[in-house]
Amino acid sequence: MSGDEHAWEVANTLDTLRHFKLVSGRHLKAVALRDKFERKVGGMMQYRRPRALLRKLQKKEKKKAGG
């Protein structure tokens, strides 16, 4: 559970293993869309977003708007 040494060896070994998709396109079609209330609650955060993330999102929006 814990120790004095880093666990990089475990992380590197996990990276070399074969990975499998957890959700396929067929499963995605079965996922229900969120309603208005769920979208509103999902947007609420306990902590403020970091400034760097906000700047990145603003740049992305400007790029999407064509400017």
N, C-alpha and C. Protein backbone atom coordinates (compact mmCIF):
# COMPACT_ATOMS: atom_id res chain seq x y z
N MET A 1 0.83 -1.19 0.00
CA MET A 1 0.00 0.00 0.00
C MET A 1 0.87 1.25 0.00
N SER A 2 1.93 1.22 0.76
CA SER A 2 2.81 2.38 0.77
C SER A 2 4.23 1.91 1.05
N GLY A 3 5.16 2.78 0.80
CA GLY A 3 6.54 2.43 1.03
C GLY A 3 7.44 3.64 0.88
N ASP A 4 8.71 3.42 1.08
CA ASP A 4 9.67 4.51 0.99
C ASP A 4 10.20 4.72 -0.42
N GLU A 5 10.06 3.74 -1.28
CA GLU A 5 10.59 3.81 -2.64
C GLU A 5 9.52 4.25 -3.62
N HIS A 6 9.95 4.78 -4.76
CA HIS A 6 9.03 5.18 -5.82
C HIS A 6 8.52 3.94 -6.55
N ALA A 7 7.39 4.05 -7.19
CA ALA A 7 6.77 2.92 -7.88
C ALA A 7 6.89 3.05 -9.40
N TRP A 8 7.94 3.70 -9.88
CA TRP A 8 8.09 3.91 -11.32
C TRP A 8 8.20 2.59 -12.07
N GLU A 9 8.81 1.59 -11.47
CA GLU A 9 8.96 0.30 -12.14
C GLU A 9 7.58 -0.30 -12.43
N VAL A 10 6.67 -0.16 -11.49
CA VAL A 10 5.32 -0.68 -11.69
C VAL A 10 4.64 0.09 -12.83
N ALA A 11 4.74 1.40 -12.83
CA ALA A 11 4.12 2.21 -13.88
C ALA A 11 4.70 1.87 -15.25
N ASN A 12 5.99 1.70 -15.34
CA ASN A 12 6.63 1.36 -16.61
C ASN A 12 6.19 -0.02 -17.10
N THR A 13 6.07 -0.97 -16.19
CA THR A 13 5.62 -2.31 -16.56
C THR A 13 4.18 -2.26 -17.06
N LEU A 14 3.32 -1.50 -16.39
CA LEU A 14 1.93 -1.38 -16.83
C LEU A 14 1.84 -0.75 -18.22
N ASP A 15 2.73 0.19 -18.52
CA ASP A 15 2.74 0.82 -19.85
C ASP A 15 3.08 -0.16 -20.95
N THR A 16 3.86 -1.19 -20.65
CA THR A 16 4.27 -2.14 -21.67
C THR A 16 3.22 -3.21 -21.94
N LEU A 17 2.27 -3.38 -21.04
CA LEU A 17 1.23 -4.39 -21.20
C LEU A 17 0.22 -3.99 -22.27
N ARG A 18 -0.45 -4.99 -22.83
CA ARG A 18 -1.47 -4.76 -23.83
C ARG A 18 -2.66 -4.05 -23.18
N HIS A 19 -3.20 -3.06 -23.89
CA HIS A 19 -4.34 -2.30 -23.38
C HIS A 19 -5.59 -2.66 -24.17
N PHE A 20 -6.73 -2.59 -23.52
CA PHE A 20 -8.01 -2.89 -24.14
C PHE A 20 -8.95 -1.72 -23.96
N LYS A 21 -9.78 -1.47 -24.99
CA LYS A 21 -10.78 -0.42 -24.88
C LYS A 21 -11.85 -0.87 -23.88
N LEU A 22 -12.25 0.02 -23.02
CA LEU A 22 -13.29 -0.30 -22.05
C LEU A 22 -14.68 -0.12 -22.62
N VAL A 23 -14.81 0.82 -23.56
CA VAL A 23 -16.12 1.12 -24.14
C VAL A 23 -15.98 1.15 -25.65
N SER A 24 -16.87 0.44 -26.33
CA SER A 24 -16.85 0.44 -27.80
C SER A 24 -17.93 1.39 -28.31
N GLY A 25 -17.98 1.58 -29.62
CA GLY A 25 -18.99 2.44 -30.21
C GLY A 25 -20.40 1.97 -29.90
N ARG A 26 -20.58 0.67 -29.87
CA ARG A 26 -21.89 0.09 -29.57
C ARG A 26 -22.33 0.48 -28.16
N HIS A 27 -21.40 0.47 -27.22
CA HIS A 27 -21.72 0.83 -25.85
C HIS A 27 -22.01 2.33 -25.72
N LEU A 28 -21.27 3.14 -26.48
CA LEU A 28 -21.46 4.58 -26.41
C LEU A 28 -22.86 4.99 -26.84
N LYS A 29 -23.43 4.25 -27.79
CA LYS A 29 -24.78 4.55 -28.25
C LYS A 29 -25.80 4.30 -27.14
N ALA A 30 -25.47 3.41 -26.21
CA ALA A 30 -26.40 3.07 -25.14
C ALA A 30 -26.31 4.04 -23.97
N VAL A 31 -25.31 4.91 -23.96
CA VAL A 31 -25.14 5.86 -22.87
C VAL A 31 -26.20 6.96 -23.00
N ALA A 32 -26.90 7.23 -21.93
CA ALA A 32 -27.94 8.26 -21.95
C ALA A 32 -27.30 9.64 -21.87
N LEU A 33 -27.90 10.60 -22.56
CA LEU A 33 -27.42 11.98 -22.49
C LEU A 33 -27.83 12.59 -21.15
N ARG A 34 -27.03 13.51 -20.67
CA ARG A 34 -27.34 14.18 -19.40
C ARG A 34 -28.45 15.19 -19.61
N ASP A 35 -29.32 15.33 -18.62
CA ASP A 35 -30.36 16.34 -18.72
C ASP A 35 -29.81 17.69 -18.25
N LYS A 36 -30.65 18.73 -18.32
CA LYS A 36 -30.22 20.09 -18.01
C LYS A 36 -29.66 20.20 -16.59
N PHE A 37 -30.32 19.57 -15.62
CA PHE A 37 -29.87 19.62 -14.23
C PHE A 37 -28.49 18.97 -14.08
N GLU A 38 -28.30 17.82 -14.69
CA GLU A 38 -27.00 17.13 -14.58
C GLU A 38 -25.89 17.95 -15.21
N ARG A 39 -26.17 18.62 -16.32
CA ARG A 39 -25.15 19.47 -16.95
C ARG A 39 -24.79 20.64 -16.04
N LYS A 40 -25.81 21.23 -15.40
CA LYS A 40 -25.56 22.37 -14.50
C LYS A 40 -24.72 21.92 -13.30
N VAL A 41 -25.10 20.83 -12.68
CA VAL A 41 -24.37 20.33 -11.51
C VAL A 41 -22.96 19.89 -11.91
N GLY A 42 -22.83 19.31 -13.08
CA GLY A 42 -21.53 18.87 -13.55
C GLY A 42 -20.57 20.02 -13.76
N GLY A 43 -21.11 21.22 -14.02
CA GLY A 43 -20.27 22.38 -14.23
C GLY A 43 -19.83 23.05 -12.94
N MET A 44 -20.45 22.69 -11.84
CA MET A 44 -20.07 23.27 -10.56
C MET A 44 -18.81 22.59 -10.04
N MET A 45 -17.92 23.38 -9.50
CA MET A 45 -16.67 22.82 -8.99
C MET A 45 -16.46 23.31 -7.57
N GLN A 46 -15.85 22.46 -6.76
CA GLN A 46 -15.55 22.85 -5.39
C GLN A 46 -14.44 23.88 -5.36
N TYR A 47 -13.48 23.75 -6.29
CA TYR A 47 -12.34 24.66 -6.33
C TYR A 47 -12.35 25.40 -7.65
N ARG A 48 -11.77 26.60 -7.65
CA ARG A 48 -11.67 27.36 -8.88
C ARG A 48 -10.72 26.65 -9.85
N ARG A 49 -11.00 26.84 -11.13
CA ARG A 49 -10.12 26.27 -12.15
C ARG A 49 -8.82 27.05 -12.17
N PRO A 50 -7.70 26.38 -12.41
CA PRO A 50 -6.41 27.07 -12.48
C PRO A 50 -6.39 28.08 -13.63
N ARG A 51 -5.69 29.19 -13.42
CA ARG A 51 -5.61 30.25 -14.45
C ARG A 51 -5.06 29.71 -15.76
N ALA A 52 -4.08 28.82 -15.66
CA ALA A 52 -3.47 28.27 -16.89
C ALA A 52 -4.52 27.52 -17.70
N LEU A 53 -5.39 26.79 -17.04
CA LEU A 53 -6.44 26.05 -17.74
C LEU A 53 -7.44 27.02 -18.37
N LEU A 54 -7.79 28.07 -17.63
CA LEU A 54 -8.73 29.06 -18.17
C LEU A 54 -8.15 29.75 -19.41
N ARG A 55 -6.86 30.09 -19.37
CA ARG A 55 -6.22 30.71 -20.54
C ARG A 55 -6.23 29.73 -21.73
N LYS A 56 -5.96 28.48 -21.47
CA LYS A 56 -5.93 27.47 -22.52
C LYS A 56 -7.32 27.33 -23.14
N LEU A 57 -8.36 27.32 -22.32
CA LEU A 57 -9.73 27.22 -22.82
C LEU A 57 -10.11 28.45 -23.63
N GLN A 58 -9.66 29.65 -23.20
CA GLN A 58 -9.94 30.87 -23.94
C GLN A 58 -9.28 30.84 -25.31
N LYS A 59 -8.03 30.38 -25.36
CA LYS A 59 -7.33 30.28 -26.64
C LYS A 59 -8.05 29.31 -27.57
N LYS A 60 -8.52 28.22 -27.01
CA LYS A 60 -9.23 27.21 -27.80
C LYS A 60 -10.52 27.79 -28.37
N GLU A 61 -11.26 28.55 -27.55
CA GLU A 61 -12.50 29.18 -28.01
C GLU A 61 -12.23 30.20 -29.10
N LYS A 62 -11.16 31.01 -28.94
CA LYS A 62 -10.81 32.00 -29.96
C LYS A 62 -10.46 31.32 -31.27
N LYS A 63 -9.72 30.22 -31.17
CA LYS A 63 -9.32 29.48 -32.36
C LYS A 63 -10.56 28.90 -33.06
N LYS A 64 -11.49 28.39 -32.27
CA LYS A 64 -12.72 27.81 -32.81
C LYS A 64 -13.56 28.88 -33.49
N ALA A 65 -13.55 30.09 -32.92
CA ALA A 65 -14.34 31.20 -33.47
C ALA A 65 -13.69 31.80 -34.72
N GLY A 66 -12.44 31.39 -34.98
CA GLY A 66 -11.76 31.87 -36.17
C GLY A 66 -10.94 33.10 -35.97
N GLY A 67 -10.58 33.38 -34.73
CA GLY A 67 -9.82 34.61 -34.49
C GLY A 67 -8.69 34.35 -33.66
